[in-house]
Amino acid sequence: MLTPKQKAIVTAYKRCFATEDGLEVLKDLKRWTILNRPGILAGQPIDKDRLLFDEAQRMLILYILSKVEANLDETPTEAETQETQRW
């Protein structure tokens, strides 16, 4: 089971992003970021700074999606538990 704090966070994400407008924003963010594209292309030079920036964008979108799609009755992962403890 999620802790009360984790449930509150998930609920807040769902209020923001699980609405029709919120889902449209997420759809746009997915197109704008490299979520579904490779960060490194064959035959192209690797820009480490750009790669880190792109991966941070990908991580943020995936984090938001994980909250929107979370089941409030499921057991939190170890990473989610540690994340909540940091706050």
C-alpha atoms as a PDB file:
ATOM      1  CA  MET A   1       0.000   0.000   0.000  1.00  0.00           C
ATOM      2  CA  LEU A   2       1.102   3.525  -0.672  1.00  0.00           C
ATOM      3  CA  THR A   3       1.759   5.787   2.264  1.00  0.00           C
ATOM      4  CA  PRO A   4      -0.648   8.712   2.763  1.00  0.00           C
ATOM      5  CA  LYS A   5       2.015  11.091   1.425  1.00  0.00           C
ATOM      6  CA  GLN A   6       2.572   8.956  -1.688  1.00  0.00           C
ATOM      7  CA  LYS A   7      -1.193   8.743  -2.276  1.00  0.00           C
ATOM      8  CA  ALA A   8      -1.467  12.530  -2.000  1.00  0.00           C
ATOM      9  CA  ILE A   9       1.323  12.997  -4.557  1.00  0.00           C
ATOM     10  CA  VAL A  10      -0.187  10.492  -6.993  1.00  0.00           C
ATOM     11  CA  THR A  11      -3.614  12.088  -6.585  1.00  0.00           C
ATOM     12  CA  ALA A  12      -2.166  15.539  -7.303  1.00  0.00           C
ATOM     13  CA  TYR A  13      -0.444  14.261 -10.473  1.00  0.00           C
ATOM     14  CA  LYS A  14      -3.685  12.638 -11.589  1.00  0.00           C
ATOM     15  CA  ARG A  15      -5.604  15.905 -11.017  1.00  0.00           C
ATOM     16  CA  CYS A  16      -3.077  17.739 -13.173  1.00  0.00           C
ATOM     17  CA  PHE A  17      -2.320  15.240 -15.910  1.00  0.00           C
ATOM     18  CA  ALA A  18      -5.124  12.630 -16.043  1.00  0.00           C
ATOM     19  CA  THR A  19      -7.630  15.180 -17.322  1.00  0.00           C
ATOM     20  CA  GLU A  20      -8.336  15.755 -21.001  1.00  0.00           C
ATOM     21  CA  ASP A  21      -6.148  18.888 -20.986  1.00  0.00           C
ATOM     22  CA  GLY A  22      -3.428  17.209 -18.962  1.00  0.00           C
ATOM     23  CA  LEU A  23      -3.275  14.239 -21.319  1.00  0.00           C
ATOM     24  CA  GLU A  24      -3.023  16.641 -24.263  1.00  0.00           C
ATOM     25  CA  VAL A  25      -0.086  18.381 -22.543  1.00  0.00           C
ATOM     26  CA  LEU A  26       1.634  15.029 -21.931  1.00  0.00           C
ATOM     27  CA  LYS A  27       1.063  14.067 -25.571  1.00  0.00           C
ATOM     28  CA  ASP A  28       2.719  17.305 -26.661  1.00  0.00           C
ATOM     29  CA  LEU A  29       5.617  16.827 -24.246  1.00  0.00           C
ATOM     30  CA  LYS A  30       6.179  13.311 -25.584  1.00  0.00           C
ATOM     31  CA  ARG A  31       6.436  14.706 -29.122  1.00  0.00           C
ATOM     32  CA  TRP A  32       8.713  17.546 -28.035  1.00  0.00           C
ATOM     33  CA  THR A  33      11.142  15.364 -26.080  1.00  0.00           C
ATOM     34  CA  ILE A  34      13.143  12.374 -27.251  1.00  0.00           C
ATOM     35  CA  LEU A  35      10.868   9.988 -25.338  1.00  0.00           C
ATOM     36  CA  ASN A  36      10.387   7.694 -28.327  1.00  0.00           C
ATOM     37  CA  ARG A  37      13.582   8.476 -30.221  1.00  0.00           C
ATOM     38  CA  PRO A  38      17.119   7.226 -29.681  1.00  0.00           C
ATOM     39  CA  GLY A  39      19.476   9.602 -27.914  1.00  0.00           C
ATOM     40  CA  ILE A  40      22.416   8.492 -30.029  1.00  0.00           C
ATOM     41  CA  LEU A  41      22.299   8.064 -33.787  1.00  0.00           C
ATOM     42  CA  ALA A  42      24.664   5.768 -35.672  1.00  0.00           C
ATOM     43  CA  GLY A  43      27.381   7.663 -37.493  1.00  0.00           C
ATOM     44  CA  GLN A  44      26.762  10.897 -35.573  1.00  0.00           C
ATOM     45  CA  PRO A  45      29.159  12.411 -33.029  1.00  0.00           C
ATOM     46  CA  ILE A  46      28.065  12.063 -29.407  1.00  0.00           C
ATOM     47  CA  ASP A  47      27.439  15.297 -27.541  1.00  0.00           C
ATOM     48  CA  LYS A  48      27.567  14.143 -23.904  1.00  0.00           C
ATOM     49  CA  ASP A  49      25.959  17.303 -22.544  1.00  0.00           C
ATOM     50  CA  ARG A  50      23.062  17.074 -25.012  1.00  0.00           C
ATOM     51  CA  LEU A  51      22.642  13.382 -24.251  1.00  0.00           C
ATOM     52  CA  LEU A  52      22.389  14.099 -20.510  1.00  0.00           C
ATOM     53  CA  PHE A  53      19.883  16.886 -21.142  1.00  0.00           C
ATOM     54  CA  ASP A  54      17.763  14.667 -23.408  1.00  0.00           C
ATOM     55  CA  GLU A  55      17.819  11.805 -20.904  1.00  0.00           C
ATOM     56  CA  ALA A  56      16.731  14.167 -18.112  1.00  0.00           C
ATOM     57  CA  GLN A  57      13.740  15.203 -20.241  1.00  0.00           C
ATOM     58  CA  ARG A  58      12.898  11.562 -20.890  1.00  0.00           C
ATOM     59  CA  MET A  59      13.154  10.759 -17.188  1.00  0.00           C
ATOM     60  CA  LEU A  60      10.837  13.621 -16.247  1.00  0.00           C
ATOM     61  CA  ILE A  61       8.127  12.559 -18.703  1.00  0.00           C
ATOM     62  CA  LEU A  62       8.380   8.940 -17.566  1.00  0.00           C
ATOM     63  CA  TYR A  63       8.139  10.061 -13.933  1.00  0.00           C
ATOM     64  CA  ILE A  64       4.952  12.027 -14.637  1.00  0.00           C
ATOM     65  CA  LEU A  65       3.493   9.081 -16.572  1.00  0.00           C
ATOM     66  CA  SER A  66       4.302   6.725 -13.690  1.00  0.00           C
ATOM     67  CA  LYS A  67       2.308   8.928 -11.307  1.00  0.00           C
ATOM     68  CA  VAL A  68      -0.644   9.324 -13.679  1.00  0.00           C
ATOM     69  CA  GLU A  69      -0.782   5.566 -14.277  1.00  0.00           C
ATOM     70  CA  ALA A  70      -0.155   4.585 -10.639  1.00  0.00           C
ATOM     71  CA  ASN A  71      -2.651   2.411  -8.813  1.00  0.00           C
ATOM     72  CA  LEU A  72      -3.359   3.954  -5.409  1.00  0.00           C
ATOM     73  CA  ASP A  73      -3.737   0.485  -3.869  1.00  0.00           C
ATOM     74  CA  GLU A  74      -0.465  -0.996  -5.094  1.00  0.00           C
ATOM     75  CA  THR A  75       2.658  -1.483  -3.034  1.00  0.00           C
ATOM     76  CA  PRO A  76       5.257   1.234  -3.667  1.00  0.00           C
ATOM     77  CA  THR A  77       8.578   0.256  -5.151  1.00  0.00           C
ATOM     78  CA  GLU A  78      11.726   0.631  -3.082  1.00  0.00           C
ATOM     79  CA  ALA A  79      12.726   3.662  -5.194  1.00  0.00           C
ATOM     80  CA  GLU A  80       9.344   5.338  -4.570  1.00  0.00           C
ATOM     81  CA  THR A  81       9.667   4.705  -0.847  1.00  0.00           C
ATOM     82  CA  GLN A  82      13.145   6.233  -0.776  1.00  0.00           C
ATOM     83  CA  GLU A  83      11.959   9.182  -2.852  1.00  0.00           C
ATOM     84  CA  THR A  84       9.157   9.957  -0.399  1.00  0.00           C
ATOM     85  CA  GLN A  85      11.560   9.658   2.543  1.00  0.00           C
ATOM     86  CA  ARG A  86      13.773  12.369   1.003  1.00  0.00           C
ATOM     87  CA  TRP A  87      10.922  14.884   1.288  1.00  0.00           C
END
